[in-house]
Protein backbone atom coordinates (compact mmCIF):
# COMPACT_ATOMS: atom_id res chain seq x y z
CA UNK A 1 21.92 -127.26 -77.61
CA UNK A 2 21.11 -124.70 -74.97
CA UNK A 3 24.22 -125.80 -73.10
CA UNK A 4 26.37 -125.09 -76.16
CA UNK A 5 24.92 -121.59 -76.44
CA UNK A 6 25.66 -121.02 -72.79
CA UNK A 7 29.27 -122.13 -73.29
CA UNK A 8 29.70 -119.78 -76.24
CA UNK A 9 28.12 -116.91 -74.33
CA UNK A 10 30.40 -117.67 -71.38
CA UNK A 11 33.51 -117.66 -73.54
CA UNK A 12 32.44 -114.37 -75.13
CA UNK A 13 31.87 -112.83 -71.71
CA UNK A 14 35.30 -114.01 -70.51
CA UNK A 15 36.97 -112.53 -73.60
CA UNK A 16 35.11 -109.26 -73.15
CA UNK A 17 35.97 -109.19 -69.47
CA UNK A 18 39.66 -109.87 -70.16
CA UNK A 19 39.72 -107.06 -72.73
CA UNK A 20 38.08 -104.67 -70.33
CA UNK A 21 41.13 -104.24 -68.11
CA UNK A 22 44.77 -103.39 -68.70
CA UNK A 23 47.83 -102.85 -66.50
CA UNK A 24 50.09 -99.82 -66.50
CA UNK A 25 53.52 -100.53 -64.96
CA UNK A 26 55.79 -98.10 -63.13
CA UNK A 27 57.86 -97.44 -66.26
CA UNK A 28 54.91 -96.81 -68.57
CA UNK A 29 52.20 -94.29 -69.26
CA UNK A 30 49.21 -94.87 -71.54
CA UNK A 31 46.40 -93.27 -73.53
CA UNK A 32 43.07 -94.67 -74.77
CA UNK A 33 42.31 -94.68 -78.49
CA UNK A 34 38.70 -94.86 -79.61
CA UNK A 35 37.99 -95.19 -83.35
CA UNK A 36 41.47 -93.84 -84.11
CA UNK A 37 41.21 -90.80 -81.86
CA UNK A 38 42.59 -90.38 -78.32
CA UNK A 39 40.00 -90.01 -75.58
CA UNK A 40 40.43 -88.96 -71.99
CA UNK A 41 43.67 -87.86 -70.41
CA UNK A 42 46.99 -89.69 -70.17
CA UNK A 43 47.25 -92.46 -67.59
CA UNK A 44 50.47 -91.99 -65.65
CA UNK A 45 49.78 -93.89 -62.42
CA UNK A 46 50.69 -97.57 -62.33
CA UNK A 47 47.95 -100.09 -61.61
CA UNK A 48 44.88 -101.80 -63.09
CA UNK A 49 42.68 -99.68 -65.37
CA UNK A 50 39.39 -100.15 -67.26
CA UNK A 51 38.67 -99.69 -70.98
CA UNK A 52 35.68 -100.32 -73.22
CA UNK A 53 36.34 -103.70 -74.82
CA UNK A 54 36.51 -104.01 -78.60
CA UNK A 55 36.10 -100.24 -78.96
CA UNK A 56 39.01 -98.74 -77.12
CA UNK A 57 42.67 -99.69 -77.60
CA UNK A 58 45.60 -98.80 -75.38
CA UNK A 59 48.89 -97.26 -76.52
CA UNK A 60 51.72 -97.22 -74.00
CA UNK A 61 54.74 -94.93 -73.92
CA UNK A 62 57.92 -95.08 -71.87
CA UNK A 63 57.87 -92.85 -68.78
CA UNK A 64 61.63 -93.09 -68.19
CA UNK A 65 64.35 -90.71 -69.39
CA UNK A 66 65.16 -91.49 -73.03
CA UNK A 67 68.33 -91.06 -75.02
CA UNK A 68 69.05 -88.86 -78.03
CA UNK A 69 72.45 -89.06 -79.72
CA UNK A 70 73.09 -86.67 -82.58
CA UNK A 71 75.47 -86.85 -85.52
CA UNK A 72 78.61 -84.70 -85.54
CA UNK A 73 77.97 -81.64 -87.71
CA UNK A 74 80.50 -79.23 -89.20
CA UNK A 75 79.65 -75.73 -87.98
CA UNK A 76 81.49 -72.41 -88.49
CA UNK A 77 82.25 -70.46 -85.33
CA UNK A 78 82.01 -66.70 -84.87
CA UNK A 79 85.75 -66.37 -85.58
CA UNK A 80 85.40 -68.37 -88.85
CA UNK A 81 86.85 -71.66 -87.67
CA UNK A 82 85.09 -74.77 -88.93
CA UNK A 83 84.65 -77.44 -86.28
CA UNK A 84 82.76 -80.70 -85.85
CA UNK A 85 80.38 -80.61 -82.89
CA UNK A 86 78.95 -83.89 -81.56
CA UNK A 87 76.11 -83.54 -79.03
CA UNK A 88 73.83 -85.81 -77.04
CA UNK A 89 70.67 -85.19 -75.03
CA UNK A 90 68.28 -86.81 -72.58
CA UNK A 91 64.51 -86.34 -72.84
CA UNK A 92 61.26 -87.77 -71.60
CA UNK A 93 57.60 -87.81 -72.51
CA UNK A 94 55.91 -85.33 -70.19
CA UNK A 95 52.41 -85.60 -71.67
CA UNK A 96 51.53 -88.84 -73.45
CA UNK A 97 48.38 -87.41 -75.07
CA UNK A 98 50.14 -84.41 -76.64
CA UNK A 99 53.05 -86.65 -77.60
CA UNK A 100 50.73 -89.01 -79.48
CA UNK A 101 49.05 -86.12 -81.31
CA UNK A 102 52.32 -84.54 -82.43
CA UNK A 103 54.80 -87.40 -82.82
CA UNK A 104 52.82 -90.67 -82.64
CA UNK A 105 55.87 -92.71 -81.58
CA UNK A 106 59.46 -92.43 -80.32
CA UNK A 107 61.02 -92.90 -83.76
CA UNK A 108 59.25 -89.87 -85.19
CA UNK A 109 59.98 -87.93 -82.00
CA UNK A 110 63.69 -88.65 -82.39
CA UNK A 111 63.51 -87.31 -85.94
CA UNK A 112 61.81 -84.12 -84.74
CA UNK A 113 64.43 -83.73 -82.00
CA UNK A 114 67.19 -84.02 -84.62
CA UNK A 115 65.97 -80.84 -86.28
CA UNK A 116 65.26 -78.95 -83.06
CA UNK A 117 68.46 -79.77 -81.13
CA UNK A 118 70.80 -79.57 -84.15
CA UNK A 119 69.29 -76.18 -85.04
CA UNK A 120 69.77 -74.85 -81.51
CA UNK A 121 73.37 -76.14 -81.40
CA UNK A 122 74.16 -74.63 -84.80
CA UNK A 123 72.75 -71.23 -83.82
CA UNK A 124 74.65 -71.17 -80.54
CA UNK A 125 77.99 -72.34 -81.96
CA UNK A 126 77.79 -69.85 -84.82
CA UNK A 127 77.54 -67.01 -82.28
CA UNK A 128 80.50 -68.18 -80.16
CA UNK A 129 84.27 -68.04 -80.60
CA UNK A 130 86.49 -71.09 -80.51
CA UNK A 131 87.84 -70.21 -77.07
CA UNK A 132 84.35 -70.08 -75.58
CA UNK A 133 83.42 -73.45 -77.06
CA UNK A 134 86.57 -75.29 -76.04
CA UNK A 135 86.92 -73.93 -72.52
CA UNK A 136 84.87 -75.89 -69.97
CA UNK A 137 86.22 -74.69 -66.58
CA UNK A 138 87.25 -71.48 -64.80
CA UNK A 139 90.80 -72.77 -64.29
CA UNK A 140 93.38 -70.05 -64.84
CA UNK A 141 95.76 -70.47 -67.74
CA UNK A 142 99.37 -71.45 -67.08
CA UNK A 143 102.14 -68.85 -66.87
CA UNK A 144 103.83 -67.46 -70.00
CA UNK A 145 100.51 -67.29 -71.84
CA UNK A 146 101.11 -63.63 -72.62
CA UNK A 147 104.54 -64.44 -74.07
CA UNK A 148 103.11 -67.23 -76.16
CA UNK A 149 100.36 -65.00 -77.50
CA UNK A 150 102.92 -62.43 -78.59
CA UNK A 151 104.70 -65.03 -80.70
CA UNK A 152 101.63 -66.17 -82.65
CA UNK A 153 98.28 -64.90 -83.87
CA UNK A 154 96.13 -66.33 -81.07
CA UNK A 155 93.12 -64.18 -80.32
CA UNK A 156 92.53 -62.74 -76.87
CA UNK A 157 89.05 -64.19 -77.07
CA UNK A 158 90.53 -67.68 -76.88
CA UNK A 159 91.70 -66.97 -73.34
CA UNK A 160 89.16 -64.46 -72.08
CA UNK A 161 85.94 -66.47 -71.84
CA UNK A 162 86.68 -68.94 -69.10
CA UNK A 163 83.98 -71.43 -68.35
CA UNK A 164 81.79 -70.31 -71.29
CA UNK A 165 80.92 -73.93 -72.14
CA UNK A 166 78.41 -73.94 -69.28
CA UNK A 167 76.71 -70.86 -70.71
CA UNK A 168 76.55 -72.49 -74.14
CA UNK A 169 74.92 -75.63 -72.74
CA UNK A 170 72.39 -73.61 -70.76
CA UNK A 171 71.53 -71.48 -73.79
CA UNK A 172 71.03 -74.55 -76.01
CA UNK A 173 68.88 -76.19 -73.34
CA UNK A 174 66.72 -73.07 -73.01
CA UNK A 175 66.26 -72.77 -76.77
CA UNK A 176 65.28 -76.42 -77.16
CA UNK A 177 62.87 -76.25 -74.21
CA UNK A 178 61.23 -73.12 -75.60
CA UNK A 179 60.84 -74.68 -79.05
CA UNK A 180 59.29 -77.86 -77.64
CA UNK A 181 56.90 -75.75 -75.58
CA UNK A 182 55.86 -73.78 -78.66
CA UNK A 183 55.25 -76.97 -80.65
CA UNK A 184 53.36 -78.51 -77.70
CA UNK A 185 54.91 -81.92 -78.36
CA UNK A 186 54.50 -83.30 -74.84
CA UNK A 187 58.28 -83.70 -74.58
CA UNK A 188 60.52 -82.38 -71.82
CA UNK A 189 64.22 -81.99 -72.53
CA UNK A 190 66.22 -83.05 -69.46
CA UNK A 191 69.79 -82.28 -70.50
CA UNK A 192 71.95 -81.40 -73.50
CA UNK A 193 75.72 -81.85 -73.55
CA UNK A 194 78.52 -81.40 -76.08
CA UNK A 195 80.20 -84.76 -76.39
CA UNK A 196 83.12 -83.77 -78.59
CA UNK A 197 84.54 -80.77 -80.45
CA UNK A 198 87.14 -81.37 -83.16
CA UNK A 199 88.66 -79.41 -86.03
CA UNK A 200 88.23 -80.45 -89.63
CA UNK A 201 91.21 -82.03 -91.36
CA UNK A 202 92.17 -78.88 -93.26
CA UNK A 203 93.08 -76.92 -90.13
CA UNK A 204 93.86 -79.80 -87.77
CA UNK A 205 97.51 -80.06 -88.83
CA UNK A 206 98.01 -76.31 -88.44
CA UNK A 207 96.40 -76.40 -85.04
CA UNK A 208 98.54 -79.27 -83.81
CA UNK A 209 101.71 -77.59 -85.08
CA UNK A 210 100.78 -74.37 -83.31
CA UNK A 211 100.02 -76.25 -80.10
CA UNK A 212 103.39 -78.02 -80.31
CA UNK A 213 105.14 -74.70 -80.93
CA UNK A 214 103.41 -73.08 -77.95
CA UNK A 215 104.26 -75.96 -75.65
CA UNK A 216 107.89 -75.93 -76.85
CA UNK A 217 108.12 -72.23 -76.03
CA UNK A 218 106.71 -72.83 -72.58
CA UNK A 219 109.14 -75.73 -72.12
CA UNK A 220 112.06 -73.48 -73.13
CA UNK A 221 110.96 -70.91 -70.57
CA UNK A 222 110.94 -73.59 -67.89
CA UNK A 223 114.37 -74.84 -69.01
CA UNK A 224 115.78 -71.29 -68.89
CA UNK A 225 114.33 -70.84 -65.42
CA UNK A 226 115.78 -74.17 -64.33
CA UNK A 227 119.21 -73.36 -65.77
CA UNK A 228 119.22 -69.99 -64.00
CA UNK A 229 118.23 -71.63 -60.75
CA UNK A 230 120.94 -74.23 -61.25
CA UNK A 231 123.62 -71.58 -61.75
CA UNK A 232 122.35 -69.70 -58.70
CA UNK A 233 122.58 -72.86 -56.57
CA UNK A 234 126.05 -73.70 -57.95
CA UNK A 235 127.25 -70.15 -57.19
CA UNK A 236 125.98 -70.41 -53.63
CA UNK A 237 127.58 -73.85 -53.33
CA UNK A 238 130.99 -72.61 -54.53
CA UNK A 239 130.79 -69.59 -52.24
CA UNK A 240 129.87 -71.80 -49.31
CA UNK A 241 132.71 -74.19 -50.15
CA UNK A 242 135.20 -71.31 -50.20
CA UNK A 243 133.88 -70.06 -46.88
CA UNK A 244 134.22 -73.52 -45.32
CA UNK A 245 137.73 -74.08 -46.74
CA UNK A 246 138.81 -70.60 -45.70
CA UNK A 247 137.43 -71.10 -42.20
CA UNK A 248 139.06 -74.50 -41.92
CA UNK A 249 142.43 -73.13 -43.11
CA UNK A 250 142.24 -70.25 -40.65
CA UNK A 251 141.39 -72.65 -37.84
CA UNK A 252 144.24 -75.02 -38.81
CA UNK A 253 146.73 -72.17 -38.93
CA UNK A 254 145.53 -71.00 -35.53
CA UNK A 255 145.98 -74.52 -34.14
CA UNK A 256 149.42 -74.82 -35.74
CA UNK A 257 150.44 -71.44 -34.34
CA UNK A 258 149.24 -72.41 -30.88
CA UNK A 259 151.09 -75.75 -31.18
CA UNK A 260 154.31 -74.05 -32.36
CA UNK A 261 154.07 -71.56 -29.52
CA UNK A 262 153.56 -74.38 -27.05
CA UNK A 263 156.49 -76.31 -28.51
CA UNK A 264 158.69 -73.23 -28.43
CA UNK A 265 157.69 -72.67 -24.82
CA UNK A 266 158.60 -76.26 -23.95
CA UNK A 267 161.88 -75.99 -25.81
CA UNK A 268 162.68 -72.75 -24.04
CA UNK A 269 161.99 -74.25 -20.64
CA UNK A 270 164.06 -77.31 -21.52
CA UNK A 271 166.95 -75.20 -22.79
CA UNK A 272 166.82 -73.12 -19.62
CA UNK A 273 167.11 -76.20 -17.41
CA UNK A 274 169.98 -77.89 -19.33
CA UNK A 275 171.47 -76.00 -22.27
CA UNK A 276 174.18 -78.69 -22.84
CA UNK A 277 171.62 -81.50 -23.07
CA UNK A 278 169.43 -79.41 -25.35
CA UNK A 279 172.33 -78.62 -27.67
CA UNK A 280 173.36 -82.25 -27.67
CA UNK A 281 169.80 -83.42 -28.49
CA UNK A 282 169.26 -80.88 -31.29
CA UNK A 283 172.68 -81.72 -32.77
CA UNK A 284 171.79 -85.41 -32.88
CA UNK A 285 168.54 -84.53 -34.62
CA UNK A 286 170.55 -82.53 -37.17
CA UNK A 287 172.87 -85.53 -37.72
CA UNK A 288 169.88 -87.78 -38.27
CA UNK A 289 168.37 -85.46 -40.86
CA UNK A 290 171.56 -84.59 -42.75
CA UNK A 291 173.84 -87.62 -42.55
CA UNK A 292 173.15 -90.65 -44.75
CA UNK A 293 175.30 -92.99 -46.94
CA UNK A 294 174.84 -90.82 -50.02
CA UNK A 295 175.94 -87.56 -48.35
CA UNK A 296 179.55 -86.32 -48.32
CA UNK A 297 180.79 -83.48 -46.09
CA UNK A 298 184.12 -81.70 -46.48
CA UNK A 299 184.73 -79.92 -43.19
CA UNK A 300 187.67 -78.85 -41.14
CA UNK A 301 188.44 -80.80 -37.97
CA UNK A 302 187.67 -77.85 -35.74
CA UNK A 303 184.16 -77.31 -37.20
CA UNK A 304 181.50 -77.08 -34.50
CA UNK A 305 179.29 -79.41 -36.48
CA UNK A 306 181.64 -82.29 -35.69
CA UNK A 307 182.10 -81.28 -32.07
CA UNK A 308 180.18 -84.17 -30.55
CA UNK A 309 181.63 -86.67 -33.03
CA UNK A 310 185.17 -85.75 -32.00
CA UNK A 311 184.30 -86.18 -28.34
């Protein structure tokens, strides 16, 4: 009987001993709860820890960066344009004890973040123009923007605030951080970003038509530039062609003149050496060019043209 009591006592001691220790991993942080109330500070270091068995319980929270994904909300901008803004954020539990006191768990914390982040986004968007919200870089606008603006009712504000998206994000982040600090929720906001900005259906068609019109005007400007450049190139080509042809003709005439002069010089030297042979040769050439079966000549017998034929 005593042995049975010893076994029971041993089992109880083992159970108590097993419930006296708990492990906190690298991705977790924990707090001790005693009779429904947190005691001590948060446990953030990984390792083996001690608790009072059967009295204290352990609640663990994630130490990693957590995800918050909001719902797209329709918000009016400063220039009275209604847009849908979809945002997301990343947050983490910075103080497990304060987090437990204010939010209890991640689900309730997400619900609290919905109100805080959506409110900050709504306040910031309502104080910004459409151009500031849409623009995300400092890249300069393409040429002809001034011409396009003259042909429609686009506001200068749409093109003036380059890179304002970064300022909007920073302002939202600061507002959310300040609000979380005031509420002492034990939450640290890591980042907030605008995932998507889109117009509502009522103005989307108008917007797309205006965008198409603006791009068509820019395209027409490029076409006009291209056509002007084409005509300029064609004019230069025609001028160059005329210069080449004119130069070639002048050169050919010079060559022909030099050749004729050379031939005349040769003929003159030949005629000087033997006038009779030269006359005879040129007369034969004349016969060859003028006499054929279809040609009839009516000449007197003493005509010089027939001189060599008579002889």
